[in-house]
């Protein structure tokens, strides 16, 4: 007679643990990307407005295909032009008044702003560590070894 063995299926608990680890890992990665963008931008900070607007806008949450979260910039009109560059054209006046370092202004119909990327370089620096962050979170919540 063949001995009988039984298997206790813990698939739902295992899936829940991995989902929790994904949420924690994505939140950790987004937080690291925010910090990187704030500390490593190529422009001279004058007001702190843009740095203060870089944040996690939507914490990680489960979706049908995994986990999703959003980080970036809220409420800073200069954010996009600094990230990707572009042309600013006078709309409500005949010209833009550009302040000069020694005082006074120079008038221009438009100015070209070069790109000073800060979000994409932060993502490029942090995203490769996402899997490791999820594995560490899984181990911390009692998921066991991360080389399953």
C-alpha atoms as a PDB file:
ATOM      1  CA  UNK A   1       0.000   0.000   0.000  1.00  0.00           C
ATOM      2  CA  UNK A   2       1.295   3.444  -0.953  1.00  0.00           C
ATOM      3  CA  UNK A   3       1.426   5.826   1.971  1.00  0.00           C
ATOM      4  CA  UNK A   4      -0.972   8.712   1.677  1.00  0.00           C
ATOM      5  CA  UNK A   5       0.332  12.257   1.716  1.00  0.00           C
ATOM      6  CA  UNK A   6      -1.588  15.457   1.833  1.00  0.00           C
ATOM      7  CA  UNK A   7      -0.720  18.904   0.748  1.00  0.00           C
ATOM      8  CA  UNK A   8      -1.977  22.041   2.397  1.00  0.00           C
ATOM      9  CA  UNK A   9      -2.446  24.706  -0.236  1.00  0.00           C
ATOM     10  CA  UNK A  10      -1.403  28.165   0.959  1.00  0.00           C
ATOM     11  CA  UNK A  11      -1.526  29.829  -2.432  1.00  0.00           C
ATOM     12  CA  UNK A  12      -3.769  32.686  -1.361  1.00  0.00           C
ATOM     13  CA  UNK A  13      -1.550  33.509   1.630  1.00  0.00           C
ATOM     14  CA  UNK A  14       1.570  33.301  -0.537  1.00  0.00           C
ATOM     15  CA  UNK A  15      -0.003  35.558  -3.169  1.00  0.00           C
ATOM     16  CA  UNK A  16      -1.094  38.035  -0.486  1.00  0.00           C
ATOM     17  CA  UNK A  17       2.437  38.128   0.961  1.00  0.00           C
ATOM     18  CA  UNK A  18       3.945  38.810  -2.466  1.00  0.00           C
ATOM     19  CA  UNK A  19       1.336  41.487  -3.201  1.00  0.00           C
ATOM     20  CA  UNK A  20       2.173  43.202   0.110  1.00  0.00           C
ATOM     21  CA  UNK A  21       5.882  42.946  -0.718  1.00  0.00           C
ATOM     22  CA  UNK A  22       5.259  44.467  -4.151  1.00  0.00           C
ATOM     23  CA  UNK A  23       3.423  47.407  -2.581  1.00  0.00           C
ATOM     24  CA  UNK A  24       6.204  47.977  -0.048  1.00  0.00           C
ATOM     25  CA  UNK A  25       8.910  47.583  -2.698  1.00  0.00           C
ATOM     26  CA  UNK A  26       7.261  49.962  -5.157  1.00  0.00           C
ATOM     27  CA  UNK A  27       6.682  52.551  -2.414  1.00  0.00           C
ATOM     28  CA  UNK A  28      10.335  52.248  -1.344  1.00  0.00           C
ATOM     29  CA  UNK A  29      11.529  52.641  -4.938  1.00  0.00           C
ATOM     30  CA  UNK A  30       9.306  55.670  -5.530  1.00  0.00           C
ATOM     31  CA  UNK A  31      10.554  57.264  -2.296  1.00  0.00           C
ATOM     32  CA  UNK A  32      14.157  56.657  -3.350  1.00  0.00           C
ATOM     33  CA  UNK A  33      13.460  58.152  -6.796  1.00  0.00           C
ATOM     34  CA  UNK A  34      11.911  61.245  -5.196  1.00  0.00           C
ATOM     35  CA  UNK A  35      14.958  61.682  -2.951  1.00  0.00           C
ATOM     36  CA  UNK A  36      17.329  61.168  -5.882  1.00  0.00           C
ATOM     37  CA  UNK A  37      15.499  63.757  -8.016  1.00  0.00           C
ATOM     38  CA  UNK A  38      15.556  66.302  -5.176  1.00  0.00           C
ATOM     39  CA  UNK A  39      19.267  65.816  -4.455  1.00  0.00           C
ATOM     40  CA  UNK A  40      20.695  65.376  -7.944  1.00  0.00           C
ATOM     41  CA  UNK A  41      19.006  67.929 -10.188  1.00  0.00           C
ATOM     42  CA  UNK A  42      21.176  69.969 -12.560  1.00  0.00           C
ATOM     43  CA  UNK A  43      19.596  73.384 -11.972  1.00  0.00           C
ATOM     44  CA  UNK A  44      20.420  75.965  -9.315  1.00  0.00           C
ATOM     45  CA  UNK A  45      17.663  75.932  -6.718  1.00  0.00           C
ATOM     46  CA  UNK A  46      16.448  79.432  -5.913  1.00  0.00           C
ATOM     47  CA  UNK A  47      13.015  79.068  -4.312  1.00  0.00           C
ATOM     48  CA  UNK A  48      12.632  75.410  -3.356  1.00  0.00           C
ATOM     49  CA  UNK A  49       9.231  75.300  -5.058  1.00  0.00           C
ATOM     50  CA  UNK A  50      10.113  72.622  -7.597  1.00  0.00           C
ATOM     51  CA  UNK A  51      12.094  70.517  -5.133  1.00  0.00           C
ATOM     52  CA  UNK A  52       9.163  70.693  -2.722  1.00  0.00           C
ATOM     53  CA  UNK A  53       6.738  69.603  -5.438  1.00  0.00           C
ATOM     54  CA  UNK A  54       8.639  66.389  -6.243  1.00  0.00           C
ATOM     55  CA  UNK A  55       6.865  63.614  -4.343  1.00  0.00           C
ATOM     56  CA  UNK A  56       4.930  60.380  -4.409  1.00  0.00           C
ATOM     57  CA  UNK A  57       1.579  61.495  -5.782  1.00  0.00           C
ATOM     58  CA  UNK A  58      -0.231  58.131  -5.518  1.00  0.00           C
ATOM     59  CA  UNK A  59       1.164  55.460  -3.175  1.00  0.00           C
ATOM     60  CA  UNK A  60       1.382  51.932  -4.559  1.00  0.00           C
ATOM     61  CA  UNK A  61      -1.858  49.972  -4.718  1.00  0.00           C
ATOM     62  CA  UNK A  62      -2.932  46.654  -6.190  1.00  0.00           C
ATOM     63  CA  UNK A  63      -4.288  46.606  -9.736  1.00  0.00           C
ATOM     64  CA  UNK A  64      -5.380  43.653 -11.878  1.00  0.00           C
ATOM     65  CA  UNK A  65      -1.901  43.063 -13.316  1.00  0.00           C
ATOM     66  CA  UNK A  66       0.217  43.796 -10.222  1.00  0.00           C
ATOM     67  CA  UNK A  67       0.903  46.997  -8.342  1.00  0.00           C
ATOM     68  CA  UNK A  68       0.870  50.615  -9.463  1.00  0.00           C
ATOM     69  CA  UNK A  69       2.069  53.863  -7.906  1.00  0.00           C
ATOM     70  CA  UNK A  70       2.839  57.338  -9.215  1.00  0.00           C
ATOM     71  CA  UNK A  71       5.612  59.767  -8.336  1.00  0.00           C
ATOM     72  CA  UNK A  72       6.629  63.000  -9.981  1.00  0.00           C
ATOM     73  CA  UNK A  73       5.803  66.687  -9.615  1.00  0.00           C
ATOM     74  CA  UNK A  74       2.609  68.356  -8.398  1.00  0.00           C
ATOM     75  CA  UNK A  75       1.776  72.034  -8.750  1.00  0.00           C
ATOM     76  CA  UNK A  76       5.022  73.423 -10.149  1.00  0.00           C
ATOM     77  CA  UNK A  77       4.522  75.132 -13.501  1.00  0.00           C
ATOM     78  CA  UNK A  78       8.226  75.015 -14.365  1.00  0.00           C
ATOM     79  CA  UNK A  79       8.519  71.234 -13.904  1.00  0.00           C
ATOM     80  CA  UNK A  80       7.945  70.076 -17.475  1.00  0.00           C
ATOM     81  CA  UNK A  81      10.004  72.774 -19.185  1.00  0.00           C
ATOM     82  CA  UNK A  82      12.986  71.954 -16.950  1.00  0.00           C
ATOM     83  CA  UNK A  83      12.652  68.198 -17.515  1.00  0.00           C
ATOM     84  CA  UNK A  84      12.299  68.245 -21.312  1.00  0.00           C
ATOM     85  CA  UNK A  85      13.187  71.794 -22.381  1.00  0.00           C
ATOM     86  CA  UNK A  86      11.205  73.930 -24.795  1.00  0.00           C
ATOM     87  CA  UNK A  87      10.376  77.418 -25.986  1.00  0.00           C
ATOM     88  CA  UNK A  88       8.609  80.022 -23.853  1.00  0.00           C
ATOM     89  CA  UNK A  89       6.839  82.708 -25.889  1.00  0.00           C
ATOM     90  CA  UNK A  90       5.328  85.973 -24.674  1.00  0.00           C
ATOM     91  CA  UNK A  91       1.521  85.655 -24.628  1.00  0.00           C
ATOM     92  CA  UNK A  92       0.116  88.528 -22.566  1.00  0.00           C
ATOM     93  CA  UNK A  93       2.739  91.107 -23.513  1.00  0.00           C
ATOM     94  CA  UNK A  94       4.838  92.078 -26.505  1.00  0.00           C
ATOM     95  CA  UNK A  95       7.949  90.528 -24.955  1.00  0.00           C
ATOM     96  CA  UNK A  96       9.283  88.538 -22.040  1.00  0.00           C
ATOM     97  CA  UNK A  97      11.284  90.557 -19.501  1.00  0.00           C
ATOM     98  CA  UNK A  98      14.346  88.502 -18.566  1.00  0.00           C
ATOM     99  CA  UNK A  99      16.099  89.756 -15.403  1.00  0.00           C
ATOM    100  CA  UNK A 100      19.841  90.352 -15.731  1.00  0.00           C
ATOM    101  CA  UNK A 101      22.275  89.433 -12.947  1.00  0.00           C
ATOM    102  CA  UNK A 102      23.456  93.025 -12.420  1.00  0.00           C
ATOM    103  CA  UNK A 103      19.952  94.462 -12.510  1.00  0.00           C
ATOM    104  CA  UNK A 104      17.741  95.543 -15.352  1.00  0.00           C
ATOM    105  CA  UNK A 105      16.048  93.341 -17.910  1.00  0.00           C
ATOM    106  CA  UNK A 106      16.411  92.223 -21.495  1.00  0.00           C
ATOM    107  CA  UNK A 107      13.264  91.911 -23.633  1.00  0.00           C
ATOM    108  CA  UNK A 108      12.718  88.847 -25.854  1.00  0.00           C
ATOM    109  CA  UNK A 109       9.696  87.585 -27.802  1.00  0.00           C
ATOM    110  CA  UNK A 110      10.692  84.033 -26.856  1.00  0.00           C
ATOM    111  CA  UNK A 111      13.423  82.095 -25.096  1.00  0.00           C
ATOM    112  CA  UNK A 112      14.591  78.529 -25.550  1.00  0.00           C
ATOM    113  CA  UNK A 113      15.048  76.648 -22.303  1.00  0.00           C
ATOM    114  CA  UNK A 114      17.408  73.660 -22.526  1.00  0.00           C
ATOM    115  CA  UNK A 115      16.386  70.409 -20.858  1.00  0.00           C
ATOM    116  CA  UNK A 116      17.616  69.897 -17.300  1.00  0.00           C
ATOM    117  CA  UNK A 117      16.281  66.389 -16.666  1.00  0.00           C
ATOM    118  CA  UNK A 118      15.875  65.330 -13.050  1.00  0.00           C
ATOM    119  CA  UNK A 119      12.970  62.834 -13.023  1.00  0.00           C
ATOM    120  CA  UNK A 120      14.218  60.458 -15.727  1.00  0.00           C
ATOM    121  CA  UNK A 121      17.759  60.241 -14.300  1.00  0.00           C
ATOM    122  CA  UNK A 122      16.243  59.451 -10.887  1.00  0.00           C
ATOM    123  CA  UNK A 123      14.134  56.672 -12.407  1.00  0.00           C
ATOM    124  CA  UNK A 124      17.157  55.323 -14.291  1.00  0.00           C
ATOM    125  CA  UNK A 125      19.180  55.256 -11.061  1.00  0.00           C
ATOM    126  CA  UNK A 126      16.510  53.674  -8.850  1.00  0.00           C
ATOM    127  CA  UNK A 127      14.360  51.360 -10.990  1.00  0.00           C
ATOM    128  CA  UNK A 128      17.030  48.650 -11.401  1.00  0.00           C
ATOM    129  CA  UNK A 129      16.762  48.058  -7.619  1.00  0.00           C
ATOM    130  CA  UNK A 130      12.985  47.448  -7.672  1.00  0.00           C
ATOM    131  CA  UNK A 131      13.166  43.630  -7.690  1.00  0.00           C
ATOM    132  CA  UNK A 132      15.658  43.670  -4.798  1.00  0.00           C
ATOM    133  CA  UNK A 133      13.384  46.022  -2.820  1.00  0.00           C
ATOM    134  CA  UNK A 134      10.418  43.687  -3.347  1.00  0.00           C
ATOM    135  CA  UNK A 135      12.492  40.647  -2.311  1.00  0.00           C
ATOM    136  CA  UNK A 136      13.680  42.422   0.859  1.00  0.00           C
ATOM    137  CA  UNK A 137      10.122  43.453   1.718  1.00  0.00           C
ATOM    138  CA  UNK A 138       8.955  39.860   1.181  1.00  0.00           C
ATOM    139  CA  UNK A 139      11.651  38.531   3.510  1.00  0.00           C
ATOM    140  CA  UNK A 140      10.741  41.133   6.181  1.00  0.00           C
ATOM    141  CA  UNK A 141       7.060  40.214   6.191  1.00  0.00           C
ATOM    142  CA  UNK A 142       7.901  36.565   6.755  1.00  0.00           C
ATOM    143  CA  UNK A 143       7.862  35.421   3.178  1.00  0.00           C
ATOM    144  CA  UNK A 144      11.012  33.395   3.703  1.00  0.00           C
ATOM    145  CA  UNK A 145      13.886  33.113   1.288  1.00  0.00           C
ATOM    146  CA  UNK A 146      13.650  35.323  -1.739  1.00  0.00           C
ATOM    147  CA  UNK A 147      15.138  32.857  -4.262  1.00  0.00           C
ATOM    148  CA  UNK A 148      11.958  30.733  -4.566  1.00  0.00           C
END
